[in-house]
Amino acid sequence: MSRVNFQELLDAGAHFGHLKRKWNPAMAPYIFMEKNGIHIIDLHKTVAKVDEAANALKQIAKSGRKILFVATKKQAKDILAEQVKKINMPYVSERWSGGMLTNFPTVRKAVKKMSSFDKMEQDGTLDHLSKRERLQVDRQRSKLTKNLGSIADLTRLPAALFVIDVQKEKIAVAEAHRLQIPVFAMVDTNSDPNIVDYAIPCNDDAAKAISLVLGAVCDAIQEGLAERKAEKDKEPAEGEEKPAKSGKKSAAKKIASTEDEAEAEAEEANENETEESAE
């Protein structure tokens, strides 16, 4: 069963592309027709591409690796933050800091600095600072939290990127290419689908369309995480049963050997009694 259907995408306005004069010729395979100067996206291909991307992301999540979501445009960032928080994946919704992937060690230092500010507040160190110093710390912490707070749990490079609007997030896409990180993206008729690994032809300006596609992707990732958890829970249970079985076997062996010894002693006693009566 498809994760999204044709009618849902149609109702969400996912089929509306950009003006004909703004199109990218590479999107021709995904364009159904042109109406009133606007390109119409073939939603049958959108359904297939959503399923393909969702299945690939599910396998990545099942392997235990992280997927970084990127959407800084006004109509997408709140939807992204709301849905991605539910699956506990890192995301960037405010501003893509140049070098976030290619200069990842420096970004990790900034995240650690943000964590140190939080510790200072918890242990009361901030109370001993002057008013001016505390104000500087608060400003730095709020800035770091705004830009990097959503990737605080990202301890290593992500296994994949999911991008909404490759035109706007071209720096993120370029960094991912440089590091050979696969890119999943919602691609409109004004963008080049060949620069990403998994292109989902869709209107990337309609909030309903963004929410629908993101919902399908996040559900797939949640399934992958659930399967991974089920497999992990199953492994220890199997490991606990094996020693129990071997323990039962060893106990049975001990009982059998004890019975054999008792029978041997009884036979020896009978033989002694027979010899004494014969004498």
C-alpha atoms as a PDB file:
ATOM      1  CA  MET A   1       0.000   0.000   0.000  1.00  0.00           C
ATOM      2  CA  SER A   2       1.270   3.475  -0.924  1.00  0.00           C
ATOM      3  CA  ARG A   3       2.201   5.838   1.890  1.00  0.00           C
ATOM      4  CA  VAL A   4       0.363   8.686   0.162  1.00  0.00           C
ATOM      5  CA  ASN A   5      -2.343   8.504  -2.494  1.00  0.00           C
ATOM      6  CA  PHE A   6      -3.147  10.555  -5.563  1.00  0.00           C
ATOM      7  CA  GLN A   7      -6.223  12.222  -4.080  1.00  0.00           C
ATOM      8  CA  GLU A   8      -4.434  13.354  -0.901  1.00  0.00           C
ATOM      9  CA  LEU A   9      -1.682  14.973  -2.949  1.00  0.00           C
ATOM     10  CA  LEU A  10      -4.240  16.591  -5.263  1.00  0.00           C
ATOM     11  CA  ASP A  11      -6.204  18.041  -2.338  1.00  0.00           C
ATOM     12  CA  ALA A  12      -2.950  19.386  -0.828  1.00  0.00           C
ATOM     13  CA  GLY A  13      -2.059  21.207  -4.054  1.00  0.00           C
ATOM     14  CA  ALA A  14       1.101  19.154  -4.585  1.00  0.00           C
ATOM     15  CA  HIS A  15       0.560  19.208  -8.360  1.00  0.00           C
ATOM     16  CA  PHE A  16       1.071  22.947  -8.839  1.00  0.00           C
ATOM     17  CA  GLY A  17       4.506  23.778 -10.222  1.00  0.00           C
ATOM     18  CA  HIS A  18       6.069  27.131 -11.092  1.00  0.00           C
ATOM     19  CA  LEU A  19       5.452  29.345 -14.099  1.00  0.00           C
ATOM     20  CA  LYS A  20       6.432  27.827 -17.410  1.00  0.00           C
ATOM     21  CA  ARG A  21       9.144  30.448 -17.988  1.00  0.00           C
ATOM     22  CA  LYS A  22      10.828  29.484 -14.677  1.00  0.00           C
ATOM     23  CA  TRP A  23      10.997  25.757 -15.316  1.00  0.00           C
ATOM     24  CA  ASN A  24      14.085  23.573 -15.305  1.00  0.00           C
ATOM     25  CA  PRO A  25      14.178  21.319 -18.412  1.00  0.00           C
ATOM     26  CA  ALA A  26      15.514  18.449 -16.276  1.00  0.00           C
ATOM     27  CA  MET A  27      12.067  18.273 -14.641  1.00  0.00           C
ATOM     28  CA  ALA A  28      10.379  17.423 -17.964  1.00  0.00           C
ATOM     29  CA  PRO A  29       9.857  13.685 -17.081  1.00  0.00           C
ATOM     30  CA  TYR A  30       7.818  14.692 -14.010  1.00  0.00           C
ATOM     31  CA  ILE A  31       5.602  17.321 -15.689  1.00  0.00           C
ATOM     32  CA  PHE A  32       2.131  16.166 -16.745  1.00  0.00           C
ATOM     33  CA  MET A  33       0.945  19.267 -18.605  1.00  0.00           C
ATOM     34  CA  GLU A  34       0.926  23.058 -18.713  1.00  0.00           C
ATOM     35  CA  LYS A  35      -2.168  25.012 -17.754  1.00  0.00           C
ATOM     36  CA  ASN A  36      -2.582  28.796 -17.734  1.00  0.00           C
ATOM     37  CA  GLY A  37       1.176  29.251 -17.940  1.00  0.00           C
ATOM     38  CA  ILE A  38       1.835  26.960 -14.931  1.00  0.00           C
ATOM     39  CA  HIS A  39       3.345  23.492 -15.078  1.00  0.00           C
ATOM     40  CA  ILE A  40       1.334  20.657 -13.537  1.00  0.00           C
ATOM     41  CA  ILE A  41       3.307  17.859 -11.843  1.00  0.00           C
ATOM     42  CA  ASP A  42       2.436  14.221 -12.563  1.00  0.00           C
ATOM     43  CA  LEU A  43       1.223  13.041  -9.150  1.00  0.00           C
ATOM     44  CA  HIS A  44       1.356   9.357 -10.109  1.00  0.00           C
ATOM     45  CA  LYS A  45       5.131   9.735 -10.294  1.00  0.00           C
ATOM     46  CA  THR A  46       5.098  11.677  -7.035  1.00  0.00           C
ATOM     47  CA  VAL A  47       3.365   8.766  -5.261  1.00  0.00           C
ATOM     48  CA  ALA A  48       5.974   6.323  -6.582  1.00  0.00           C
ATOM     49  CA  LYS A  49       8.882   8.573  -5.592  1.00  0.00           C
ATOM     50  CA  VAL A  50       7.511   9.150  -2.075  1.00  0.00           C
ATOM     51  CA  ASP A  51       7.310   5.382  -1.551  1.00  0.00           C
ATOM     52  CA  GLU A  52      10.824   4.866  -2.912  1.00  0.00           C
ATOM     53  CA  ALA A  53      12.322   7.570  -0.679  1.00  0.00           C
ATOM     54  CA  ALA A  54      10.338   6.440   2.388  1.00  0.00           C
ATOM     55  CA  ASN A  55      11.520   2.825   2.048  1.00  0.00           C
ATOM     56  CA  ALA A  56      15.150   3.909   1.684  1.00  0.00           C
ATOM     57  CA  LEU A  57      14.906   6.192   4.744  1.00  0.00           C
ATOM     58  CA  LYS A  58      13.255   3.394   6.718  1.00  0.00           C
ATOM     59  CA  GLN A  59      16.268   1.140   6.118  1.00  0.00           C
ATOM     60  CA  ILE A  60      18.672   3.917   7.178  1.00  0.00           C
ATOM     61  CA  ALA A  61      16.731   4.461  10.400  1.00  0.00           C
ATOM     62  CA  LYS A  62      16.596   0.708  11.010  1.00  0.00           C
ATOM     63  CA  SER A  63      20.394   0.571  10.784  1.00  0.00           C
ATOM     64  CA  GLY A  64      20.599   3.066  13.669  1.00  0.00           C
ATOM     65  CA  ARG A  65      22.005   6.011  11.721  1.00  0.00           C
ATOM     66  CA  LYS A  66      20.768   9.606  11.794  1.00  0.00           C
ATOM     67  CA  ILE A  67      18.975  11.538   9.044  1.00  0.00           C
ATOM     68  CA  LEU A  68      19.353  15.327   9.005  1.00  0.00           C
ATOM     69  CA  PHE A  69      16.292  17.307   7.881  1.00  0.00           C
ATOM     70  CA  VAL A  70      16.784  20.765   6.365  1.00  0.00           C
ATOM     71  CA  ALA A  71      14.093  23.388   5.669  1.00  0.00           C
ATOM     72  CA  THR A  72      14.649  27.063   6.394  1.00  0.00           C
ATOM     73  CA  LYS A  73      11.893  28.571   4.229  1.00  0.00           C
ATOM     74  CA  LYS A  74       9.088  30.274   6.122  1.00  0.00           C
ATOM     75  CA  GLN A  75       6.224  27.961   5.129  1.00  0.00           C
ATOM     76  CA  ALA A  76       8.198  24.758   5.836  1.00  0.00           C
ATOM     77  CA  LYS A  77      10.336  25.284   8.939  1.00  0.00           C
ATOM     78  CA  ASP A  78       7.569  25.095  11.573  1.00  0.00           C
ATOM     79  CA  ILE A  79       6.055  21.993   9.961  1.00  0.00           C
ATOM     80  CA  LEU A  80       9.490  20.377   9.800  1.00  0.00           C
ATOM     81  CA  ALA A  81      10.319  21.125  13.450  1.00  0.00           C
ATOM     82  CA  GLU A  82       6.955  19.775  14.649  1.00  0.00           C
ATOM     83  CA  GLN A  83       7.076  16.492  12.729  1.00  0.00           C
ATOM     84  CA  VAL A  84      10.786  15.688  13.035  1.00  0.00           C
ATOM     85  CA  LYS A  85      10.786  16.187  16.821  1.00  0.00           C
ATOM     86  CA  LYS A  86       8.384  13.256  17.094  1.00  0.00           C
ATOM     87  CA  ILE A  87      10.931  10.835  15.609  1.00  0.00           C
ATOM     88  CA  ASN A  88      13.884  12.353  17.512  1.00  0.00           C
ATOM     89  CA  MET A  89      15.962  13.169  14.417  1.00  0.00           C
ATOM     90  CA  PRO A  90      18.218  16.237  13.995  1.00  0.00           C
ATOM     91  CA  TYR A  91      16.968  19.120  11.868  1.00  0.00           C
ATOM     92  CA  VAL A  92      17.922  22.627  10.722  1.00  0.00           C
ATOM     93  CA  SER A  93      15.046  25.098  10.448  1.00  0.00           C
ATOM     94  CA  GLU A  94      16.586  28.487  11.174  1.00  0.00           C
ATOM     95  CA  ARG A  95      19.711  28.975   9.091  1.00  0.00           C
ATOM     96  CA  TRP A  96      22.183  26.660   7.434  1.00  0.00           C
ATOM     97  CA  SER A  97      25.601  27.586   8.811  1.00  0.00           C
ATOM     98  CA  GLY A  98      28.227  27.170   6.098  1.00  0.00           C
ATOM     99  CA  GLY A  99      30.467  24.207   6.893  1.00  0.00           C
ATOM    100  CA  MET A 100      27.927  22.463   9.090  1.00  0.00           C
ATOM    101  CA  LEU A 101      28.898  19.196   7.400  1.00  0.00           C
ATOM    102  CA  THR A 102      32.279  19.882   5.788  1.00  0.00           C
ATOM    103  CA  ASN A 103      33.587  21.512   8.975  1.00  0.00           C
ATOM    104  CA  PHE A 104      31.712  19.245  11.382  1.00  0.00           C
ATOM    105  CA  PRO A 105      34.381  19.150  14.172  1.00  0.00           C
ATOM    106  CA  THR A 106      34.073  22.922  14.607  1.00  0.00           C
ATOM    107  CA  VAL A 107      30.289  22.632  14.789  1.00  0.00           C
ATOM    108  CA  ARG A 108      30.649  19.964  17.478  1.00  0.00           C
ATOM    109  CA  LYS A 109      32.861  22.332  19.485  1.00  0.00           C
ATOM    110  CA  ALA A 110      30.123  24.973  19.316  1.00  0.00           C
ATOM    111  CA  VAL A 111      27.552  22.417  20.502  1.00  0.00           C
ATOM    112  CA  LYS A 112      29.813  21.444  23.418  1.00  0.00           C
ATOM    113  CA  LYS A 113      30.180  25.114  24.289  1.00  0.00           C
ATOM    114  CA  MET A 114      26.393  25.418  24.367  1.00  0.00           C
ATOM    115  CA  SER A 115      26.226  22.402  26.697  1.00  0.00           C
ATOM    116  CA  SER A 116      28.853  23.958  28.980  1.00  0.00           C
ATOM    117  CA  PHE A 117      26.672  27.074  29.327  1.00  0.00           C
ATOM    118  CA  ASP A 118      23.767  24.872  30.415  1.00  0.00           C
ATOM    119  CA  LYS A 119      25.969  23.155  33.010  1.00  0.00           C
ATOM    120  CA  MET A 120      27.110  26.541  34.323  1.00  0.00           C
ATOM    121  CA  GLU A 121      23.508  27.494  34.926  1.00  0.00           C
ATOM    122  CA  GLN A 122      22.711  24.194  36.636  1.00  0.00           C
ATOM    123  CA  ASP A 123      25.673  24.205  39.029  1.00  0.00           C
ATOM    124  CA  GLY A 124      25.240  27.913  39.874  1.00  0.00           C
ATOM    125  CA  THR A 125      28.457  29.149  38.238  1.00  0.00           C
ATOM    126  CA  LEU A 126      26.546  31.880  36.412  1.00  0.00           C
ATOM    127  CA  ASP A 127      25.439  33.357  39.725  1.00  0.00           C
ATOM    128  CA  HIS A 128      29.052  34.267  40.507  1.00  0.00           C
ATOM    129  CA  LEU A 129      29.548  36.207  37.275  1.00  0.00           C
ATOM    130  CA  SER A 130      29.050  39.918  36.913  1.00  0.00           C
ATOM    131  CA  LYS A 131      25.893  41.231  35.294  1.00  0.00           C
ATOM    132  CA  ARG A 132      27.753  42.096  32.083  1.00  0.00           C
ATOM    133  CA  GLU A 133      29.451  38.683  31.812  1.00  0.00           C
ATOM    134  CA  ARG A 134      26.182  36.876  32.446  1.00  0.00           C
ATOM    135  CA  LEU A 135      24.480  38.933  29.735  1.00  0.00           C
ATOM    136  CA  GLN A 136      27.212  37.978  27.253  1.00  0.00           C
ATOM    137  CA  VAL A 137      26.850  34.293  28.143  1.00  0.00           C
ATOM    138  CA  ASP A 138      23.050  34.475  27.744  1.00  0.00           C
ATOM    139  CA  ARG A 139      23.403  36.082  24.319  1.00  0.00           C
ATOM    140  CA  GLN A 140      25.887  33.466  23.129  1.00  0.00           C
ATOM    141  CA  ARG A 141      23.790  30.616  24.461  1.00  0.00           C
ATOM    142  CA  SER A 142      20.551  31.868  22.865  1.00  0.00           C
ATOM    143  CA  LYS A 143      22.318  32.293  19.519  1.00  0.00           C
ATOM    144  CA  LEU A 144      23.855  28.814  19.657  1.00  0.00           C
ATOM    145  CA  THR A 145      20.576  27.258  20.796  1.00  0.00           C
ATOM    146  CA  LYS A 146      18.680  28.894  17.930  1.00  0.00           C
ATOM    147  CA  ASN A 147      21.119  27.734  15.239  1.00  0.00           C
ATOM    148  CA  LEU A 148      22.468  24.465  16.672  1.00  0.00           C
ATOM    149  CA  GLY A 149      20.067  23.372  19.394  1.00  0.00           C
ATOM    150  CA  SER A 150      18.217  21.004  17.059  1.00  0.00           C
ATOM    151  CA  ILE A 151      21.417  19.127  16.136  1.00  0.00           C
ATOM    152  CA  ALA A 152      22.806  18.826  19.681  1.00  0.00           C
ATOM    153  CA  ASP A 153      22.402  15.011  19.558  1.00  0.00           C
ATOM    154  CA  LEU A 154      24.189  14.700  16.207  1.00  0.00           C
ATOM    155  CA  THR A 155      27.554  13.323  17.370  1.00  0.00           C
ATOM    156  CA  ARG A 156      28.742  12.287  13.899  1.00  0.00           C
ATOM    157  CA  LEU A 157      27.954  13.044  10.268  1.00  0.00           C
ATOM    158  CA  PRO A 158      24.415  12.059   9.246  1.00  0.00           C
ATOM    159  CA  ALA A 159      23.788   9.076   6.975  1.00  0.00           C
ATOM    160  CA  ALA A 160      21.427  11.113   4.768  1.00  0.00           C
ATOM    161  CA  LEU A 161      19.908  14.556   4.224  1.00  0.00           C
ATOM    162  CA  PHE A 162      16.246  15.316   3.624  1.00  0.00           C
ATOM    163  CA  VAL A 163      15.826  18.740   2.033  1.00  0.00           C
ATOM    164  CA  ILE A 164      12.794  20.842   1.215  1.00  0.00           C
ATOM    165  CA  ASP A 165      13.551  23.162  -1.735  1.00  0.00           C
ATOM    166  CA  VAL A 166      16.982  22.348  -3.179  1.00  0.00           C
ATOM    167  CA  GLN A 167      17.213  25.848  -4.643  1.00  0.00           C
ATOM    168  CA  LYS A 168      17.132  27.508  -1.232  1.00  0.00           C
ATOM    169  CA  GLU A 169      19.237  24.848   0.492  1.00  0.00           C
ATOM    170  CA  LYS A 170      21.861  24.588  -2.272  1.00  0.00           C
ATOM    171  CA  ILE A 171      24.757  25.023   0.204  1.00  0.00           C
ATOM    172  CA  ALA A 172      23.558  22.059   2.279  1.00  0.00           C
ATOM    173  CA  VAL A 173      23.163  19.944  -0.878  1.00  0.00           C
ATOM    174  CA  ALA A 174      26.651  20.935  -2.090  1.00  0.00           C
ATOM    175  CA  GLU A 175      28.227  19.973   1.252  1.00  0.00           C
ATOM    176  CA  ALA A 176      26.426  16.629   1.221  1.00  0.00           C
ATOM    177  CA  HIS A 177      27.716  15.937  -2.303  1.00  0.00           C
ATOM    178  CA  ARG A 178      31.255  16.736  -1.238  1.00  0.00           C
ATOM    179  CA  LEU A 179      31.036  14.203   1.591  1.00  0.00           C
ATOM    180  CA  GLN A 180      29.101  11.672  -0.536  1.00  0.00           C
ATOM    181  CA  ILE A 181      26.057  11.798   1.751  1.00  0.00           C
ATOM    182  CA  PRO A 182      22.851  10.767  -0.082  1.00  0.00           C
ATOM    183  CA  VAL A 183      20.278  13.564  -0.469  1.00  0.00           C
ATOM    184  CA  PHE A 184      16.496  13.126  -0.422  1.00  0.00           C
ATOM    185  CA  ALA A 185      14.539  16.191  -1.513  1.00  0.00           C
ATOM    186  CA  MET A 186      11.195  17.641  -2.490  1.00  0.00           C
ATOM    187  CA  VAL A 187      11.868  19.094  -5.941  1.00  0.00           C
ATOM    188  CA  ASP A 188       9.667  21.672  -7.691  1.00  0.00           C
ATOM    189  CA  THR A 189       9.541  22.396 -11.426  1.00  0.00           C
ATOM    190  CA  ASN A 190      12.148  25.186 -11.127  1.00  0.00           C
ATOM    191  CA  SER A 191      14.820  22.859  -9.674  1.00  0.00           C
ATOM    192  CA  ASP A 192      17.211  20.241 -11.020  1.00  0.00           C
ATOM    193  CA  PRO A 193      16.274  16.734  -9.795  1.00  0.00           C
ATOM    194  CA  ASN A 194      19.614  15.326 -10.972  1.00  0.00           C
ATOM    195  CA  ILE A 195      21.557  16.985  -8.131  1.00  0.00           C
ATOM    196  CA  VAL A 196      19.841  14.797  -5.515  1.00  0.00           C
ATOM    197  CA  ASP A 197      19.812  11.011  -5.081  1.00  0.00           C
ATOM    198  CA  TYR A 198      16.083  10.651  -4.341  1.00  0.00           C
ATOM    199  CA  ALA A 199      13.950  13.381  -5.923  1.00  0.00           C
ATOM    200  CA  ILE A 200      10.274  13.726  -4.966  1.00  0.00           C
ATOM    201  CA  PRO A 201       8.537  15.897  -7.599  1.00  0.00           C
ATOM    202  CA  CYS A 202       6.160  18.058  -5.603  1.00  0.00           C
ATOM    203  CA  ASN A 203       5.069  21.599  -4.879  1.00  0.00           C
ATOM    204  CA  ASP A 204       7.583  22.691  -2.216  1.00  0.00           C
ATOM    205  CA  ASP A 205       5.740  25.943  -1.428  1.00  0.00           C
ATOM    206  CA  ALA A 206       2.372  24.558  -0.305  1.00  0.00           C
ATOM    207  CA  ALA A 207       2.267  23.932   3.453  1.00  0.00           C
ATOM    208  CA  LYS A 208      -0.258  21.078   3.105  1.00  0.00           C
ATOM    209  CA  ALA A 209       1.858  19.298   0.496  1.00  0.00           C
ATOM    210  CA  ILE A 210       4.988  19.676   2.640  1.00  0.00           C
ATOM    211  CA  SER A 211       3.150  18.337   5.687  1.00  0.00           C
ATOM    212  CA  LEU A 212       1.771  15.360   3.742  1.00  0.00           C
ATOM    213  CA  VAL A 213       5.119  14.270   2.279  1.00  0.00           C
ATOM    214  CA  LEU A 214       6.994  14.869   5.541  1.00  0.00           C
ATOM    215  CA  GLY A 215       4.352  12.895   7.424  1.00  0.00           C
ATOM    216  CA  ALA A 216       4.791   9.883   5.117  1.00  0.00           C
ATOM    217  CA  VAL A 217       8.583  10.057   5.427  1.00  0.00           C
ATOM    218  CA  CYS A 218       8.526  10.430   9.214  1.00  0.00           C
ATOM    219  CA  ASP A 219       6.097   7.509   9.559  1.00  0.00           C
ATOM    220  CA  ALA A 220       8.484   5.336   7.533  1.00  0.00           C
ATOM    221  CA  ILE A 221      11.415   6.350   9.737  1.00  0.00           C
ATOM    222  CA  GLN A 222       9.340   5.618  12.846  1.00  0.00           C
ATOM    223  CA  GLU A 223       8.646   2.126  11.485  1.00  0.00           C
ATOM    224  CA  GLY A 224      12.357   1.576  10.935  1.00  0.00           C
ATOM    225  CA  LEU A 225      13.153   2.674  14.498  1.00  0.00           C
ATOM    226  CA  ALA A 226      10.413   0.421  15.893  1.00  0.00           C
ATOM    227  CA  GLU A 227      11.748  -2.596  13.967  1.00  0.00           C
ATOM    228  CA  ARG A 228      15.263  -1.875  15.222  1.00  0.00           C
ATOM    229  CA  LYS A 229      14.001  -1.703  18.807  1.00  0.00           C
ATOM    230  CA  ALA A 230      12.057  -4.962  18.386  1.00  0.00           C
ATOM    231  CA  GLU A 231      15.165  -6.733  17.068  1.00  0.00           C
ATOM    232  CA  LYS A 232      17.269  -5.413  19.954  1.00  0.00           C
ATOM    233  CA  ASP A 233      14.692  -6.539  22.513  1.00  0.00           C
ATOM    234  CA  LYS A 234      14.560  -9.978  20.903  1.00  0.00           C
ATOM    235  CA  GLU A 235      18.329 -10.625  20.930  1.00  0.00           C
ATOM    236  CA  PRO A 236      18.876 -10.457  24.739  1.00  0.00           C
ATOM    237  CA  ALA A 237      15.820 -12.661  25.304  1.00  0.00           C
ATOM    238  CA  GLU A 238      17.285 -15.349  23.068  1.00  0.00           C
ATOM    239  CA  GLY A 239      20.658 -14.990  24.768  1.00  0.00           C
ATOM    240  CA  GLU A 240      19.060 -15.529  28.180  1.00  0.00           C
ATOM    241  CA  GLU A 241      17.257 -18.700  27.115  1.00  0.00           C
ATOM    242  CA  LYS A 242      20.382 -20.457  25.889  1.00  0.00           C
ATOM    243  CA  PRO A 243      22.229 -20.488  29.250  1.00  0.00           C
ATOM    244  CA  ALA A 244      19.011 -21.640  30.937  1.00  0.00           C
ATOM    245  CA  LYS A 245      18.803 -24.630  28.597  1.00  0.00           C
ATOM    246  CA  SER A 246      22.455 -25.546  29.114  1.00  0.00           C
ATOM    247  CA  GLY A 247      21.900 -25.242  32.888  1.00  0.00           C
ATOM    248  CA  LYS A 248      18.991 -27.677  32.698  1.00  0.00           C
ATOM    249  CA  LYS A 249      21.116 -30.116  30.698  1.00  0.00           C
ATOM    250  CA  SER A 250      23.985 -29.958  33.185  1.00  0.00           C
ATOM    251  CA  ALA A 251      21.565 -30.443  36.064  1.00  0.00           C
ATOM    252  CA  ALA A 252      20.039 -33.459  34.315  1.00  0.00           C
ATOM    253  CA  LYS A 253      23.502 -34.886  33.771  1.00  0.00           C
ATOM    254  CA  LYS A 254      24.302 -34.467  37.463  1.00  0.00           C
ATOM    255  CA  ILE A 255      21.075 -36.240  38.482  1.00  0.00           C
ATOM    256  CA  ALA A 256      21.769 -39.085  36.025  1.00  0.00           C
ATOM    257  CA  SER A 257      25.339 -39.530  37.282  1.00  0.00           C
ATOM    258  CA  THR A 258      24.110 -39.547  40.898  1.00  0.00           C
ATOM    259  CA  GLU A 259      21.563 -42.256  40.086  1.00  0.00           C
ATOM    260  CA  ASP A 260      24.240 -44.310  38.294  1.00  0.00           C
ATOM    261  CA  GLU A 261      26.521 -44.082  41.348  1.00  0.00           C
ATOM    262  CA  ALA A 262      23.676 -45.158  43.649  1.00  0.00           C
ATOM    263  CA  GLU A 263      22.899 -48.180  41.471  1.00  0.00           C
ATOM    264  CA  ALA A 264      26.589 -49.143  41.374  1.00  0.00           C
ATOM    265  CA  GLU A 265      26.834 -48.966  45.173  1.00  0.00           C
ATOM    266  CA  ALA A 266      23.674 -51.081  45.551  1.00  0.00           C
ATOM    267  CA  GLU A 267      25.030 -53.770  43.198  1.00  0.00           C
ATOM    268  CA  GLU A 268      28.366 -53.831  45.064  1.00  0.00           C
ATOM    269  CA  ALA A 269      26.553 -54.274  48.421  1.00  0.00           C
ATOM    270  CA  ASN A 270      24.488 -57.153  47.006  1.00  0.00           C
ATOM    271  CA  GLU A 271      27.625 -58.883  45.749  1.00  0.00           C
ATOM    272  CA  ASN A 272      29.286 -58.574  49.193  1.00  0.00           C
ATOM    273  CA  GLU A 273      26.223 -60.026  50.901  1.00  0.00           C
ATOM    274  CA  THR A 274      26.206 -62.967  48.430  1.00  0.00           C
ATOM    275  CA  GLU A 275      29.887 -63.717  49.066  1.00  0.00           C
ATOM    276  CA  GLU A 276      29.404 -63.589  52.872  1.00  0.00           C
ATOM    277  CA  SER A 277      26.417 -65.999  52.739  1.00  0.00           C
ATOM    278  CA  ALA A 278      28.393 -68.389  50.511  1.00  0.00           C
ATOM    279  CA  GLU A 279      31.239 -68.516  53.044  1.00  0.00           C
END
